[in-house]
Amino acid sequence: GIRVTELATAEAFYARLGFRRDPDEFSAADRACGLVHPTGLRLHLIYN
């Protein structure tokens, strides 16, 4: 889990590293966005 200030900026940065949003790991209520890499690595952006 990585705490970030702005979801769009962080998601764009991690997309450059190959991570994509996992729609099953997104919670607006919890302000958490799961990302997955083609290798199976996972990150959660905590955008609060």
ModelCIF file with pLDDT and N, C-alpha, C, O atoms, coordinates in Angstrom:
data_MODEL
#
_entry.id   MODEL 
#
_entity.id                         1 
_entity.type                       polymer 
_entity.pdbx_number_of_molecules   1 
#
_entity_poly.entity_id                      1 
_entity_poly.type                           'polypeptide(L)' 
_entity_poly.nstd_linkage                   no 
_entity_poly.nstd_monomer                   no 
_entity_poly.pdbx_seq_one_letter_code       GIRVTELATAEAFYARLGFRRDPDEFSAADRACGLVHPTGLRLHLIYN 
_entity_poly.pdbx_seq_one_letter_code_can   GIRVTELATAEAFYARLGFRRDPDEFSAADRACGLVHPTGLRLHLIYN 
_entity_poly.pdbx_strand_id                 A 
#
loop_
_entity_poly_seq.entity_id 
_entity_poly_seq.num 
_entity_poly_seq.mon_id 
_entity_poly_seq.hetero 
1 1  GLY n 
1 2  ILE n 
1 3  ARG n 
1 4  VAL n 
1 5  THR n 
1 6  GLU n 
1 7  LEU n 
1 8  ALA n 
1 9  THR n 
1 10 ALA n 
1 11 GLU n 
1 12 ALA n 
1 13 PHE n 
1 14 TYR n 
1 15 ALA n 
1 16 ARG n 
1 17 LEU n 
1 18 GLY n 
1 19 PHE n 
1 20 ARG n 
1 21 ARG n 
1 22 ASP n 
1 23 PRO n 
1 24 ASP n 
1 25 GLU n 
1 26 PHE n 
1 27 SER n 
1 28 ALA n 
1 29 ALA n 
1 30 ASP n 
1 31 ARG n 
1 32 ALA n 
1 33 CYS n 
1 34 GLY n 
1 35 LEU n 
1 36 VAL n 
1 37 HIS n 
1 38 PRO n 
1 39 THR n 
1 40 GLY n 
1 41 LEU n 
1 42 ARG n 
1 43 LEU n 
1 44 HIS n 
1 45 LEU n 
1 46 ILE n 
1 47 TYR n 
1 48 ASN n 
#
_struct_asym.id          A 
_struct_asym.entity_id   1 
#
loop_
_ma_qa_metric.id 
_ma_qa_metric.mode 
_ma_qa_metric.name 
_ma_qa_metric.software_group_id 
_ma_qa_metric.type 
1 global pLDDT . pLDDT 
2 local  pLDDT . pLDDT 
#
_ma_qa_metric_global.metric_id      1 
_ma_qa_metric_global.metric_value   95.73 
_ma_qa_metric_global.model_id       1 
_ma_qa_metric_global.ordinal_id     1 
#
loop_
_ma_qa_metric_local.label_asym_id 
_ma_qa_metric_local.label_comp_id 
_ma_qa_metric_local.label_seq_id 
_ma_qa_metric_local.metric_id 
_ma_qa_metric_local.metric_value 
_ma_qa_metric_local.model_id 
_ma_qa_metric_local.ordinal_id 
A GLY 1  2 96.00 1 1  
A ILE 2  2 96.00 1 2  
A ARG 3  2 95.00 1 3  
A VAL 4  2 96.00 1 4  
A THR 5  2 95.00 1 5  
A GLU 6  2 96.00 1 6  
A LEU 7  2 97.00 1 7  
A ALA 8  2 97.00 1 8  
A THR 9  2 97.00 1 9  
A ALA 10 2 98.00 1 10 
A GLU 11 2 97.00 1 11 
A ALA 12 2 98.00 1 12 
A PHE 13 2 98.00 1 13 
A TYR 14 2 98.00 1 14 
A ALA 15 2 98.00 1 15 
A ARG 16 2 97.00 1 16 
A LEU 17 2 97.00 1 17 
A GLY 18 2 96.00 1 18 
A PHE 19 2 97.00 1 19 
A ARG 20 2 98.00 1 20 
A ARG 21 2 97.00 1 21 
A ASP 22 2 96.00 1 22 
A PRO 23 2 92.00 1 23 
A ASP 24 2 93.00 1 24 
A GLU 25 2 93.00 1 25 
A PHE 26 2 93.00 1 26 
A SER 27 2 92.00 1 27 
A ALA 28 2 91.00 1 28 
A ALA 29 2 91.00 1 29 
A ASP 30 2 93.00 1 30 
A ARG 31 2 95.00 1 31 
A ALA 32 2 96.00 1 32 
A CYS 33 2 97.00 1 33 
A GLY 34 2 97.00 1 34 
A LEU 35 2 97.00 1 35 
A VAL 36 2 97.00 1 36 
A HIS 37 2 96.00 1 37 
A PRO 38 2 96.00 1 38 
A THR 39 2 94.00 1 39 
A GLY 40 2 94.00 1 40 
A LEU 41 2 95.00 1 41 
A ARG 42 2 96.00 1 42 
A LEU 43 2 96.00 1 43 
A HIS 44 2 97.00 1 44 
A LEU 45 2 97.00 1 45 
A ILE 46 2 96.00 1 46 
A TYR 47 2 96.00 1 47 
A ASN 48 2 95.00 1 48 
#
loop_
_atom_site.group_PDB 
_atom_site.id 
_atom_site.type_symbol 
_atom_site.label_atom_id 
_atom_site.label_alt_id 
_atom_site.label_comp_id 
_atom_site.label_asym_id 
_atom_site.label_entity_id 
_atom_site.label_seq_id 
_atom_site.pdbx_PDB_ins_code 
_atom_site.Cartn_x 
_atom_site.Cartn_y 
_atom_site.Cartn_z 
_atom_site.occupancy 
_atom_site.B_iso_or_equiv 
_atom_site.pdbx_formal_charge 
_atom_site.auth_seq_id 
_atom_site.auth_comp_id 
_atom_site.auth_asym_id 
_atom_site.auth_atom_id 
_atom_site.pdbx_PDB_model_num 
ATOM 1   N N  . GLY A 1 1  ? 0.841   -1.193  0.000   1.00 96.00 ? 1  GLY A N  1 
ATOM 2   C CA . GLY A 1 1  ? 0.000   0.000   0.000   1.00 96.00 ? 1  GLY A CA 1 
ATOM 3   C C  . GLY A 1 1  ? 0.874   1.240   0.000   1.00 96.00 ? 1  GLY A C  1 
ATOM 4   O O  . GLY A 1 1  ? 1.800   1.358   0.803   1.00 96.00 ? 1  GLY A O  1 
ATOM 5   N N  . ILE A 1 2  ? 0.578   2.164   -0.905  1.00 96.00 ? 2  ILE A N  1 
ATOM 6   C CA . ILE A 1 2  ? 1.363   3.392   -1.043  1.00 96.00 ? 2  ILE A CA 1 
ATOM 7   C C  . ILE A 1 2  ? 0.411   4.581   -0.932  1.00 96.00 ? 2  ILE A C  1 
ATOM 8   O O  . ILE A 1 2  ? -0.509  4.726   -1.737  1.00 96.00 ? 2  ILE A O  1 
ATOM 9   N N  . ARG A 1 3  ? 0.637   5.424   0.065   1.00 95.00 ? 3  ARG A N  1 
ATOM 10  C CA . ARG A 1 3  ? -0.218  6.598   0.259   1.00 95.00 ? 3  ARG A CA 1 
ATOM 11  C C  . ARG A 1 3  ? 0.203   7.680   -0.735  1.00 95.00 ? 3  ARG A C  1 
ATOM 12  O O  . ARG A 1 3  ? 1.385   8.004   -0.858  1.00 95.00 ? 3  ARG A O  1 
ATOM 13  N N  . VAL A 1 4  ? -0.786  8.233   -1.442  1.00 96.00 ? 4  VAL A N  1 
ATOM 14  C CA . VAL A 1 4  ? -0.542  9.271   -2.437  1.00 96.00 ? 4  VAL A CA 1 
ATOM 15  C C  . VAL A 1 4  ? -1.527  10.418  -2.210  1.00 96.00 ? 4  VAL A C  1 
ATOM 16  O O  . VAL A 1 4  ? -2.521  10.272  -1.498  1.00 96.00 ? 4  VAL A O  1 
ATOM 17  N N  . THR A 1 5  ? -1.229  11.558  -2.830  1.00 95.00 ? 5  THR A N  1 
ATOM 18  C CA . THR A 1 5  ? -2.092  12.724  -2.653  1.00 95.00 ? 5  THR A CA 1 
ATOM 19  C C  . THR A 1 5  ? -3.146  12.838  -3.747  1.00 95.00 ? 5  THR A C  1 
ATOM 20  O O  . THR A 1 5  ? -4.260  13.293  -3.488  1.00 95.00 ? 5  THR A O  1 
ATOM 21  N N  . GLU A 1 6  ? -2.810  12.436  -4.951  1.00 96.00 ? 6  GLU A N  1 
ATOM 22  C CA . GLU A 1 6  ? -3.735  12.583  -6.077  1.00 96.00 ? 6  GLU A CA 1 
ATOM 23  C C  . GLU A 1 6  ? -3.737  11.303  -6.899  1.00 96.00 ? 6  GLU A C  1 
ATOM 24  O O  . GLU A 1 6  ? -2.710  10.910  -7.454  1.00 96.00 ? 6  GLU A O  1 
ATOM 25  N N  . LEU A 1 7  ? -4.887  10.659  -6.974  1.00 97.00 ? 7  LEU A N  1 
ATOM 26  C CA . LEU A 1 7  ? -4.984  9.369   -7.641  1.00 97.00 ? 7  LEU A CA 1 
ATOM 27  C C  . LEU A 1 7  ? -4.574  9.439   -9.109  1.00 97.00 ? 7  LEU A C  1 
ATOM 28  O O  . LEU A 1 7  ? -3.790  8.604   -9.559  1.00 97.00 ? 7  LEU A O  1 
ATOM 29  N N  . ALA A 1 8  ? -5.073  10.393  -9.854  1.00 97.00 ? 8  ALA A N  1 
ATOM 30  C CA . ALA A 1 8  ? -4.793  10.446  -11.293 1.00 97.00 ? 8  ALA A CA 1 
ATOM 31  C C  . ALA A 1 8  ? -3.295  10.572  -11.570 1.00 97.00 ? 8  ALA A C  1 
ATOM 32  O O  . ALA A 1 8  ? -2.771  9.898   -12.457 1.00 97.00 ? 8  ALA A O  1 
ATOM 33  N N  . THR A 1 9  ? -2.609  11.422  -10.826 1.00 97.00 ? 9  THR A N  1 
ATOM 34  C CA . THR A 1 9  ? -1.168  11.613  -11.021 1.00 97.00 ? 9  THR A CA 1 
ATOM 35  C C  . THR A 1 9  ? -0.404  10.344  -10.671 1.00 97.00 ? 9  THR A C  1 
ATOM 36  O O  . THR A 1 9  ? 0.474   9.918   -11.421 1.00 97.00 ? 9  THR A O  1 
ATOM 37  N N  . ALA A 1 10 ? -0.732  9.744   -9.544  1.00 98.00 ? 10 ALA A N  1 
ATOM 38  C CA . ALA A 1 10 ? -0.043  8.521   -9.119  1.00 98.00 ? 10 ALA A CA 1 
ATOM 39  C C  . ALA A 1 10 ? -0.333  7.370   -10.072 1.00 98.00 ? 10 ALA A C  1 
ATOM 40  O O  . ALA A 1 10 ? 0.572   6.623   -10.444 1.00 98.00 ? 10 ALA A O  1 
ATOM 41  N N  . GLU A 1 11 ? -1.578  7.230   -10.462 1.00 97.00 ? 11 GLU A N  1 
ATOM 42  C CA . GLU A 1 11 ? -1.947  6.131   -11.362 1.00 97.00 ? 11 GLU A CA 1 
ATOM 43  C C  . GLU A 1 11 ? -1.231  6.273   -12.706 1.00 97.00 ? 11 GLU A C  1 
ATOM 44  O O  . GLU A 1 11 ? -0.797  5.274   -13.279 1.00 97.00 ? 11 GLU A O  1 
ATOM 45  N N  . ALA A 1 12 ? -1.102  7.497   -13.213 1.00 98.00 ? 12 ALA A N  1 
ATOM 46  C CA . ALA A 1 12 ? -0.383  7.727   -14.468 1.00 98.00 ? 12 ALA A CA 1 
ATOM 47  C C  . ALA A 1 12 ? 1.092   7.361   -14.327 1.00 98.00 ? 12 ALA A C  1 
ATOM 48  O O  . ALA A 1 12 ? 1.673   6.767   -15.236 1.00 98.00 ? 12 ALA A O  1 
ATOM 49  N N  . PHE A 1 13 ? 1.702   7.714   -13.191 1.00 98.00 ? 13 PHE A N  1 
ATOM 50  C CA . PHE A 1 13 ? 3.108   7.378   -12.962 1.00 98.00 ? 13 PHE A CA 1 
ATOM 51  C C  . PHE A 1 13 ? 3.300   5.867   -12.928 1.00 98.00 ? 13 PHE A C  1 
ATOM 52  O O  . PHE A 1 13 ? 4.181   5.342   -13.609 1.00 98.00 ? 13 PHE A O  1 
ATOM 53  N N  . TYR A 1 14 ? 2.494   5.167   -12.152 1.00 98.00 ? 14 TYR A N  1 
ATOM 54  C CA . TYR A 1 14 ? 2.650   3.722   -12.025 1.00 98.00 ? 14 TYR A CA 1 
ATOM 55  C C  . TYR A 1 14 ? 2.271   3.000   -13.315 1.00 98.00 ? 14 TYR A C  1 
ATOM 56  O O  . TYR A 1 14 ? 2.757   1.899   -13.571 1.00 98.00 ? 14 TYR A O  1 
ATOM 57  N N  . ALA A 1 15 ? 1.411   3.606   -14.125 1.00 98.00 ? 15 ALA A N  1 
ATOM 58  C CA . ALA A 1 15 ? 1.104   3.034   -15.444 1.00 98.00 ? 15 ALA A CA 1 
ATOM 59  C C  . ALA A 1 15 ? 2.356   3.030   -16.316 1.00 98.00 ? 15 ALA A C  1 
ATOM 60  O O  . ALA A 1 15 ? 2.556   2.107   -17.105 1.00 98.00 ? 15 ALA A O  1 
ATOM 61  N N  . ARG A 1 16 ? 3.193   4.044   -16.183 1.00 97.00 ? 16 ARG A N  1 
ATOM 62  C CA . ARG A 1 16 ? 4.458   4.079   -16.931 1.00 97.00 ? 16 ARG A CA 1 
ATOM 63  C C  . ARG A 1 16 ? 5.360   2.911   -16.535 1.00 97.00 ? 16 ARG A C  1 
ATOM 64  O O  . ARG A 1 16 ? 6.176   2.456   -17.337 1.00 97.00 ? 16 ARG A O  1 
ATOM 65  N N  . LEU A 1 17 ? 5.215   2.426   -15.299 1.00 97.00 ? 17 LEU A N  1 
ATOM 66  C CA . LEU A 1 17 ? 5.989   1.264   -14.837 1.00 97.00 ? 17 LEU A CA 1 
ATOM 67  C C  . LEU A 1 17 ? 5.299   -0.056  -15.181 1.00 97.00 ? 17 LEU A C  1 
ATOM 68  O O  . LEU A 1 17 ? 5.805   -1.126  -14.842 1.00 97.00 ? 17 LEU A O  1 
ATOM 69  N N  . GLY A 1 18 ? 4.147   0.014   -15.851 1.00 96.00 ? 18 GLY A N  1 
ATOM 70  C CA . GLY A 1 18 ? 3.465   -1.191  -16.300 1.00 96.00 ? 18 GLY A CA 1 
ATOM 71  C C  . GLY A 1 18 ? 2.265   -1.612  -15.473 1.00 96.00 ? 18 GLY A C  1 
ATOM 72  O O  . GLY A 1 18 ? 1.636   -2.625  -15.779 1.00 96.00 ? 18 GLY A O  1 
ATOM 73  N N  . PHE A 1 19 ? 1.933   -0.860  -14.433 1.00 97.00 ? 19 PHE A N  1 
ATOM 74  C CA . PHE A 1 19 ? 0.794   -1.209  -13.575 1.00 97.00 ? 19 PHE A CA 1 
ATOM 75  C C  . PHE A 1 19 ? -0.508  -0.667  -14.162 1.00 97.00 ? 19 PHE A C  1 
ATOM 76  O O  . PHE A 1 19 ? -0.547  0.444   -14.691 1.00 97.00 ? 19 PHE A O  1 
ATOM 77  N N  . ARG A 1 20 ? -1.559  -1.456  -14.063 1.00 98.00 ? 20 ARG A N  1 
ATOM 78  C CA . ARG A 1 20 ? -2.884  -1.063  -14.545 1.00 98.00 ? 20 ARG A CA 1 
ATOM 79  C C  . ARG A 1 20 ? -3.909  -1.234  -13.423 1.00 98.00 ? 20 ARG A C  1 
ATOM 80  O O  . ARG A 1 20 ? -3.748  -2.076  -12.540 1.00 98.00 ? 20 ARG A O  1 
ATOM 81  N N  . ARG A 1 21 ? -4.951  -0.431  -13.475 1.00 97.00 ? 21 ARG A N  1 
ATOM 82  C CA . ARG A 1 21 ? -6.004  -0.501  -12.460 1.00 97.00 ? 21 ARG A CA 1 
ATOM 83  C C  . ARG A 1 21 ? -6.693  -1.863  -12.526 1.00 97.00 ? 21 ARG A C  1 
ATOM 84  O O  . ARG A 1 21 ? -7.033  -2.359  -13.600 1.00 97.00 ? 21 ARG A O  1 
ATOM 85  N N  . ASP A 1 22 ? -6.886  -2.446  -11.353 1.00 96.00 ? 22 ASP A N  1 
ATOM 86  C CA . ASP A 1 22 ? -7.666  -3.664  -11.224 1.00 96.00 ? 22 ASP A CA 1 
ATOM 87  C C  . ASP A 1 22 ? -9.061  -3.235  -10.785 1.00 96.00 ? 22 ASP A C  1 
ATOM 88  O O  . ASP A 1 22 ? -9.241  -2.817  -9.641  1.00 96.00 ? 22 ASP A O  1 
ATOM 89  N N  . PRO A 1 23 ? -10.061 -3.331  -11.680 1.00 92.00 ? 23 PRO A N  1 
ATOM 90  C CA . PRO A 1 23 ? -11.400 -2.838  -11.319 1.00 92.00 ? 23 PRO A CA 1 
ATOM 91  C C  . PRO A 1 23 ? -12.007 -3.543  -10.109 1.00 92.00 ? 23 PRO A C  1 
ATOM 92  O O  . PRO A 1 23 ? -12.891 -2.994  -9.451  1.00 92.00 ? 23 PRO A O  1 
ATOM 93  N N  . ASP A 1 24 ? -11.543 -4.748  -9.815  1.00 93.00 ? 24 ASP A N  1 
ATOM 94  C CA . ASP A 1 24 ? -12.046 -5.469  -8.642  1.00 93.00 ? 24 ASP A CA 1 
ATOM 95  C C  . ASP A 1 24 ? -11.396 -4.993  -7.344  1.00 93.00 ? 24 ASP A C  1 
ATOM 96  O O  . ASP A 1 24 ? -11.813 -5.397  -6.259  1.00 93.00 ? 24 ASP A O  1 
ATOM 97  N N  . GLU A 1 25 ? -10.386 -4.147  -7.447  1.00 93.00 ? 25 GLU A N  1 
ATOM 98  C CA . GLU A 1 25 ? -9.652  -3.664  -6.271  1.00 93.00 ? 25 GLU A CA 1 
ATOM 99  C C  . GLU A 1 25 ? -9.731  -2.138  -6.176  1.00 93.00 ? 25 GLU A C  1 
ATOM 100 O O  . GLU A 1 25 ? -8.734  -1.478  -5.885  1.00 93.00 ? 25 GLU A O  1 
ATOM 101 N N  . PHE A 1 26 ? -10.900 -1.591  -6.419  1.00 93.00 ? 26 PHE A N  1 
ATOM 102 C CA . PHE A 1 26 ? -11.093 -0.147  -6.340  1.00 93.00 ? 26 PHE A CA 1 
ATOM 103 C C  . PHE A 1 26 ? -12.226 0.139   -5.366  1.00 93.00 ? 26 PHE A C  1 
ATOM 104 O O  . PHE A 1 26 ? -13.297 -0.459  -5.457  1.00 93.00 ? 26 PHE A O  1 
ATOM 105 N N  . SER A 1 27 ? -11.986 1.059   -4.432  1.00 92.00 ? 27 SER A N  1 
ATOM 106 C CA . SER A 1 27 ? -13.019 1.431   -3.469  1.00 92.00 ? 27 SER A CA 1 
ATOM 107 C C  . SER A 1 27 ? -12.969 2.936   -3.247  1.00 92.00 ? 27 SER A C  1 
ATOM 108 O O  . SER A 1 27 ? -12.100 3.443   -2.539  1.00 92.00 ? 27 SER A O  1 
ATOM 109 N N  . ALA A 1 28 ? -13.919 3.645   -3.866  1.00 91.00 ? 28 ALA A N  1 
ATOM 110 C CA . ALA A 1 28 ? -13.991 5.090   -3.658  1.00 91.00 ? 28 ALA A CA 1 
ATOM 111 C C  . ALA A 1 28 ? -14.252 5.412   -2.191  1.00 91.00 ? 28 ALA A C  1 
ATOM 112 O O  . ALA A 1 28 ? -13.738 6.403   -1.674  1.00 91.00 ? 28 ALA A O  1 
ATOM 113 N N  . ALA A 1 29 ? -15.050 4.579   -1.517  1.00 91.00 ? 29 ALA A N  1 
ATOM 114 C CA . ALA A 1 29 ? -15.365 4.814   -0.102  1.00 91.00 ? 29 ALA A CA 1 
ATOM 115 C C  . ALA A 1 29 ? -14.104 4.741   0.764   1.00 91.00 ? 29 ALA A C  1 
ATOM 116 O O  . ALA A 1 29 ? -13.942 5.521   1.702   1.00 91.00 ? 29 ALA A O  1 
ATOM 117 N N  . ASP A 1 30 ? -13.216 3.803   0.442   1.00 93.00 ? 30 ASP A N  1 
ATOM 118 C CA . ASP A 1 30 ? -11.979 3.649   1.210   1.00 93.00 ? 30 ASP A CA 1 
ATOM 119 C C  . ASP A 1 30 ? -10.828 4.460   0.627   1.00 93.00 ? 30 ASP A C  1 
ATOM 120 O O  . ASP A 1 30 ? -9.737  4.496   1.197   1.00 93.00 ? 30 ASP A O  1 
ATOM 121 N N  . ARG A 1 31 ? -11.074 5.115   -0.520  1.00 95.00 ? 31 ARG A N  1 
ATOM 122 C CA . ARG A 1 31 ? -10.043 5.882   -1.228  1.00 95.00 ? 31 ARG A CA 1 
ATOM 123 C C  . ARG A 1 31 ? -8.825  5.005   -1.500  1.00 95.00 ? 31 ARG A C  1 
ATOM 124 O O  . ARG A 1 31 ? -7.687  5.381   -1.217  1.00 95.00 ? 31 ARG A O  1 
ATOM 125 N N  . ALA A 1 32 ? -9.098  3.821   -2.060  1.00 96.00 ? 32 ALA A N  1 
ATOM 126 C CA . ALA A 1 32 ? -8.049  2.849   -2.379  1.00 96.00 ? 32 ALA A CA 1 
ATOM 127 C C  . ALA A 1 32 ? -8.230  2.355   -3.803  1.00 96.00 ? 32 ALA A C  1 
ATOM 128 O O  . ALA A 1 32 ? -9.343  2.061   -4.239  1.00 96.00 ? 32 ALA A O  1 
ATOM 129 N N  . CYS A 1 33 ? -7.128  2.270   -4.514  1.00 97.00 ? 33 CYS A N  1 
ATOM 130 C CA . CYS A 1 33 ? -7.156  1.826   -5.903  1.00 97.00 ? 33 CYS A CA 1 
ATOM 131 C C  . CYS A 1 33 ? -6.085  0.753   -6.093  1.00 97.00 ? 33 CYS A C  1 
ATOM 132 O O  . CYS A 1 33 ? -4.895  1.027   -5.936  1.00 97.00 ? 33 CYS A O  1 
ATOM 133 N N  . GLY A 1 34 ? -6.504  -0.455  -6.428  1.00 97.00 ? 34 GLY A N  1 
ATOM 134 C CA . GLY A 1 34 ? -5.574  -1.540  -6.659  1.00 97.00 ? 34 GLY A CA 1 
ATOM 135 C C  . GLY A 1 34 ? -5.017  -1.487  -8.065  1.00 97.00 ? 34 GLY A C  1 
ATOM 136 O O  . GLY A 1 34 ? -5.745  -1.263  -9.032  1.00 97.00 ? 34 GLY A O  1 
ATOM 137 N N  . LEU A 1 35 ? -3.708  -1.697  -8.165  1.00 97.00 ? 35 LEU A N  1 
ATOM 138 C CA . LEU A 1 35 ? -3.034  -1.774  -9.456  1.00 97.00 ? 35 LEU A CA 1 
ATOM 139 C C  . LEU A 1 35 ? -2.392  -3.141  -9.569  1.00 97.00 ? 35 LEU A C  1 
ATOM 140 O O  . LEU A 1 35 ? -1.968  -3.724  -8.571  1.00 97.00 ? 35 LEU A O  1 
ATOM 141 N N  . VAL A 1 36 ? -2.322  -3.650  -10.793 1.00 97.00 ? 36 VAL A N  1 
ATOM 142 C CA . VAL A 1 36 ? -1.681  -4.938  -11.030 1.00 97.00 ? 36 VAL A CA 1 
ATOM 143 C C  . VAL A 1 36 ? -0.741  -4.812  -12.225 1.00 97.00 ? 36 VAL A C  1 
ATOM 144 O O  . VAL A 1 36 ? -1.045  -4.138  -13.209 1.00 97.00 ? 36 VAL A O  1 
ATOM 145 N N  . HIS A 1 37 ? 0.395   -5.470  -12.114 1.00 96.00 ? 37 HIS A N  1 
ATOM 146 C CA . HIS A 1 37 ? 1.412   -5.506  -13.168 1.00 96.00 ? 37 HIS A CA 1 
ATOM 147 C C  . HIS A 1 37 ? 1.238   -6.806  -13.945 1.00 96.00 ? 37 HIS A C  1 
ATOM 148 O O  . HIS A 1 37 ? 0.732   -7.777  -13.382 1.00 96.00 ? 37 HIS A O  1 
ATOM 149 N N  . PRO A 1 38 ? 1.633   -6.863  -15.208 1.00 96.00 ? 38 PRO A N  1 
ATOM 150 C CA . PRO A 1 38 ? 1.515   -8.118  -15.964 1.00 96.00 ? 38 PRO A CA 1 
ATOM 151 C C  . PRO A 1 38 ? 2.208   -9.316  -15.295 1.00 96.00 ? 38 PRO A C  1 
ATOM 152 O O  . PRO A 1 38 ? 1.840   -10.464 -15.548 1.00 96.00 ? 38 PRO A O  1 
ATOM 153 N N  . THR A 1 39 ? 3.199   -9.054  -14.451 1.00 94.00 ? 39 THR A N  1 
ATOM 154 C CA . THR A 1 39 ? 3.894   -10.130 -13.739 1.00 94.00 ? 39 THR A CA 1 
ATOM 155 C C  . THR A 1 39 ? 3.101   -10.639 -12.541 1.00 94.00 ? 39 THR A C  1 
ATOM 156 O O  . THR A 1 39 ? 3.478   -11.637 -11.927 1.00 94.00 ? 39 THR A O  1 
ATOM 157 N N  . GLY A 1 40 ? 2.003   -9.958  -12.204 1.00 94.00 ? 40 GLY A N  1 
ATOM 158 C CA . GLY A 1 40 ? 1.203   -10.342 -11.041 1.00 94.00 ? 40 GLY A CA 1 
ATOM 159 C C  . GLY A 1 40 ? 1.477   -9.500  -9.812  1.00 94.00 ? 40 GLY A C  1 
ATOM 160 O O  . GLY A 1 40 ? 0.762   -9.630  -8.818  1.00 94.00 ? 40 GLY A O  1 
ATOM 161 N N  . LEU A 1 41 ? 2.492   -8.636  -9.842  1.00 95.00 ? 41 LEU A N  1 
ATOM 162 C CA . LEU A 1 41 ? 2.754   -7.738  -8.714  1.00 95.00 ? 41 LEU A CA 1 
ATOM 163 C C  . LEU A 1 41 ? 1.571   -6.808  -8.513  1.00 95.00 ? 41 LEU A C  1 
ATOM 164 O O  . LEU A 1 41 ? 0.951   -6.352  -9.474  1.00 95.00 ? 41 LEU A O  1 
ATOM 165 N N  . ARG A 1 42 ? 1.266   -6.534  -7.250  1.00 96.00 ? 42 ARG A N  1 
ATOM 166 C CA . ARG A 1 42 ? 0.121   -5.677  -6.937  1.00 96.00 ? 42 ARG A CA 1 
ATOM 167 C C  . ARG A 1 42 ? 0.536   -4.529  -6.024  1.00 96.00 ? 42 ARG A C  1 
ATOM 168 O O  . ARG A 1 42 ? 1.373   -4.687  -5.134  1.00 96.00 ? 42 ARG A O  1 
ATOM 169 N N  . LEU A 1 43 ? -0.072  -3.371  -6.268  1.00 96.00 ? 43 LEU A N  1 
ATOM 170 C CA . LEU A 1 43 ? 0.064   -2.192  -5.416  1.00 96.00 ? 43 LEU A CA 1 
ATOM 171 C C  . LEU A 1 43 ? -1.329  -1.683  -5.108  1.00 96.00 ? 43 LEU A C  1 
ATOM 172 O O  . LEU A 1 43 ? -2.243  -1.836  -5.919  1.00 96.00 ? 43 LEU A O  1 
ATOM 173 N N  . HIS A 1 44 ? -1.496  -1.084  -3.952  1.00 97.00 ? 44 HIS A N  1 
ATOM 174 C CA . HIS A 1 44 ? -2.724  -0.361  -3.643  1.00 97.00 ? 44 HIS A CA 1 
ATOM 175 C C  . HIS A 1 44 ? -2.344  1.091   -3.417  1.00 97.00 ? 44 HIS A C  1 
ATOM 176 O O  . HIS A 1 44 ? -1.540  1.403   -2.538  1.00 97.00 ? 44 HIS A O  1 
ATOM 177 N N  . LEU A 1 45 ? -2.927  1.977   -4.214  1.00 97.00 ? 45 LEU A N  1 
ATOM 178 C CA . LEU A 1 45 ? -2.733  3.403   -4.009  1.00 97.00 ? 45 LEU A CA 1 
ATOM 179 C C  . LEU A 1 45 ? -3.802  3.868   -3.036  1.00 97.00 ? 45 LEU A C  1 
ATOM 180 O O  . LEU A 1 45 ? -4.995  3.774   -3.322  1.00 97.00 ? 45 LEU A O  1 
ATOM 181 N N  . ILE A 1 46 ? -3.376  4.364   -1.895  1.00 96.00 ? 46 ILE A N  1 
ATOM 182 C CA . ILE A 1 46 ? -4.280  4.908   -0.887  1.00 96.00 ? 46 ILE A CA 1 
ATOM 183 C C  . ILE A 1 46 ? -4.255  6.418   -1.099  1.00 96.00 ? 46 ILE A C  1 
ATOM 184 O O  . ILE A 1 46 ? -3.286  7.080   -0.727  1.00 96.00 ? 46 ILE A O  1 
ATOM 185 N N  . TYR A 1 47 ? -5.308  6.965   -1.692  1.00 96.00 ? 47 TYR A N  1 
ATOM 186 C CA . TYR A 1 47 ? -5.269  8.353   -2.142  1.00 96.00 ? 47 TYR A CA 1 
ATOM 187 C C  . TYR A 1 47 ? -5.976  9.298   -1.179  1.00 96.00 ? 47 TYR A C  1 
ATOM 188 O O  . TYR A 1 47 ? -6.972  9.940   -1.515  1.00 96.00 ? 47 TYR A O  1 
ATOM 189 N N  . ASN A 1 48 ? -5.423  9.358   0.034   1.00 95.00 ? 48 ASN A N  1 
ATOM 190 C CA . ASN A 1 48 ? -5.933  10.294  1.040   1.00 95.00 ? 48 ASN A CA 1 
ATOM 191 C C  . ASN A 1 48 ? -4.807  11.088  1.693   1.00 95.00 ? 48 ASN A C  1 
ATOM 192 O O  . ASN A 1 48 ? -5.063  11.921  2.563   1.00 95.00 ? 48 ASN A O  1 
#
